[in-house]
Amino acid sequence: MMTIFIMAEQNFVFNGIEVKLTGRKAQKTLRNNTEILFEIQPADPDEGCWKRWVRQVELYEIQENNNE
């Protein structure tokens, strides 16, 4: 089984939009592994009001640049 390192208070980029996790996840157990989907929504309400289920590998982690 894959270990999930994803923090609920962290924002991510998905399809060019900054998103946040809703806190819900869906899990499907197959023979030799478990597939997990995370529910996301836009971090900025101006981007619309929608939710979508995605795999962790589809999310880009936002990292602050401390060199500036």
C-alpha atoms as a PDB file:
ATOM      1  CA  MET A   1       0.000   0.000   0.000  1.00  0.00           C
ATOM      2  CA  MET A   2       1.236   3.514  -0.861  1.00  0.00           C
ATOM      3  CA  THR A   3       1.831   6.003   1.965  1.00  0.00           C
ATOM      4  CA  ILE A   4      -0.011   9.286   1.482  1.00  0.00           C
ATOM      5  CA  PHE A   5       1.797  12.470   2.537  1.00  0.00           C
ATOM      6  CA  ILE A   6      -0.740  15.185   1.862  1.00  0.00           C
ATOM      7  CA  MET A   7      -1.664  17.967   4.272  1.00  0.00           C
ATOM      8  CA  ALA A   8      -5.222  19.330   4.361  1.00  0.00           C
ATOM      9  CA  GLU A   9      -4.202  22.950   5.039  1.00  0.00           C
ATOM     10  CA  GLN A  10      -1.796  23.025   2.088  1.00  0.00           C
ATOM     11  CA  ASN A  11      -2.805  24.468  -1.309  1.00  0.00           C
ATOM     12  CA  PHE A  12      -1.944  22.842  -4.627  1.00  0.00           C
ATOM     13  CA  VAL A  13      -2.103  23.621  -8.356  1.00  0.00           C
ATOM     14  CA  PHE A  14      -4.461  21.601 -10.548  1.00  0.00           C
ATOM     15  CA  ASN A  15      -4.978  22.486 -14.232  1.00  0.00           C
ATOM     16  CA  GLY A  16      -3.488  25.944 -13.653  1.00  0.00           C
ATOM     17  CA  ILE A  17      -5.790  26.778 -10.728  1.00  0.00           C
ATOM     18  CA  GLU A  18      -4.808  26.995  -7.078  1.00  0.00           C
ATOM     19  CA  VAL A  19      -6.946  24.483  -5.177  1.00  0.00           C
ATOM     20  CA  LYS A  20      -7.398  23.214  -1.644  1.00  0.00           C
ATOM     21  CA  LEU A  21      -8.519  19.876  -0.272  1.00  0.00           C
ATOM     22  CA  THR A  22     -12.040  19.588   1.098  1.00  0.00           C
ATOM     23  CA  GLY A  23     -10.949  16.930   3.589  1.00  0.00           C
ATOM     24  CA  ARG A  24     -12.848  14.092   1.912  1.00  0.00           C
ATOM     25  CA  LYS A  25     -11.222  11.142   0.172  1.00  0.00           C
ATOM     26  CA  ALA A  26     -12.462   8.070  -1.642  1.00  0.00           C
ATOM     27  CA  GLN A  27     -10.736   4.707  -1.524  1.00  0.00           C
ATOM     28  CA  LYS A  28     -10.983   1.657  -3.763  1.00  0.00           C
ATOM     29  CA  THR A  29      -9.124  -1.495  -2.817  1.00  0.00           C
ATOM     30  CA  LEU A  30      -7.959  -3.672  -5.685  1.00  0.00           C
ATOM     31  CA  ARG A  31      -6.139  -6.996  -5.494  1.00  0.00           C
ATOM     32  CA  ASN A  32      -2.647  -5.706  -4.766  1.00  0.00           C
ATOM     33  CA  ASN A  33      -3.080  -1.990  -4.161  1.00  0.00           C
ATOM     34  CA  THR A  34      -5.423   0.731  -3.001  1.00  0.00           C
ATOM     35  CA  GLU A  35      -6.433   3.657  -5.198  1.00  0.00           C
ATOM     36  CA  ILE A  36      -7.221   6.889  -3.339  1.00  0.00           C
ATOM     37  CA  LEU A  37      -8.917   9.997  -4.725  1.00  0.00           C
ATOM     38  CA  PHE A  38      -8.965  13.392  -3.001  1.00  0.00           C
ATOM     39  CA  GLU A  39     -11.756  15.938  -3.331  1.00  0.00           C
ATOM     40  CA  ILE A  40     -10.551  19.448  -4.245  1.00  0.00           C
ATOM     41  CA  GLN A  41     -12.114  22.871  -4.734  1.00  0.00           C
ATOM     42  CA  PRO A  42     -10.740  26.268  -5.806  1.00  0.00           C
ATOM     43  CA  ALA A  43      -8.800  28.109  -3.103  1.00  0.00           C
ATOM     44  CA  ASP A  44     -10.083  31.432  -4.503  1.00  0.00           C
ATOM     45  CA  PRO A  45     -13.898  31.778  -4.727  1.00  0.00           C
ATOM     46  CA  ASP A  46     -13.429  33.972  -7.828  1.00  0.00           C
ATOM     47  CA  GLU A  47     -12.362  30.799  -9.709  1.00  0.00           C
ATOM     48  CA  GLY A  48     -15.879  29.385  -9.350  1.00  0.00           C
ATOM     49  CA  CYS A  49     -17.694  27.004  -7.058  1.00  0.00           C
ATOM     50  CA  TRP A  50     -16.893  23.423  -8.070  1.00  0.00           C
ATOM     51  CA  LYS A  51     -15.459  20.240  -6.610  1.00  0.00           C
ATOM     52  CA  ARG A  52     -13.562  17.454  -8.318  1.00  0.00           C
ATOM     53  CA  TRP A  53     -12.048  14.091  -7.388  1.00  0.00           C
ATOM     54  CA  VAL A  54      -8.350  13.698  -8.331  1.00  0.00           C
ATOM     55  CA  ARG A  55      -5.400  11.408  -7.696  1.00  0.00           C
ATOM     56  CA  GLN A  56      -2.532  12.760  -5.591  1.00  0.00           C
ATOM     57  CA  VAL A  57      -0.152  12.584  -8.579  1.00  0.00           C
ATOM     58  CA  GLU A  58      -2.362  15.123 -10.412  1.00  0.00           C
ATOM     59  CA  LEU A  59      -1.690  17.812  -7.782  1.00  0.00           C
ATOM     60  CA  TYR A  60       1.362  20.079  -7.882  1.00  0.00           C
ATOM     61  CA  GLU A  61       2.655  21.151  -4.480  1.00  0.00           C
ATOM     62  CA  ILE A  62       3.117  24.918  -4.082  1.00  0.00           C
ATOM     63  CA  GLN A  63       6.487  25.822  -2.625  1.00  0.00           C
ATOM     64  CA  GLU A  64       7.392  29.282  -1.390  1.00  0.00           C
ATOM     65  CA  ASN A  65      10.600  30.794  -2.798  1.00  0.00           C
ATOM     66  CA  ASN A  66      12.609  32.069   0.189  1.00  0.00           C
ATOM     67  CA  ASN A  67      15.498  33.386  -1.956  1.00  0.00           C
ATOM     68  CA  GLU A  68      13.814  36.647  -2.928  1.00  0.00           C
END
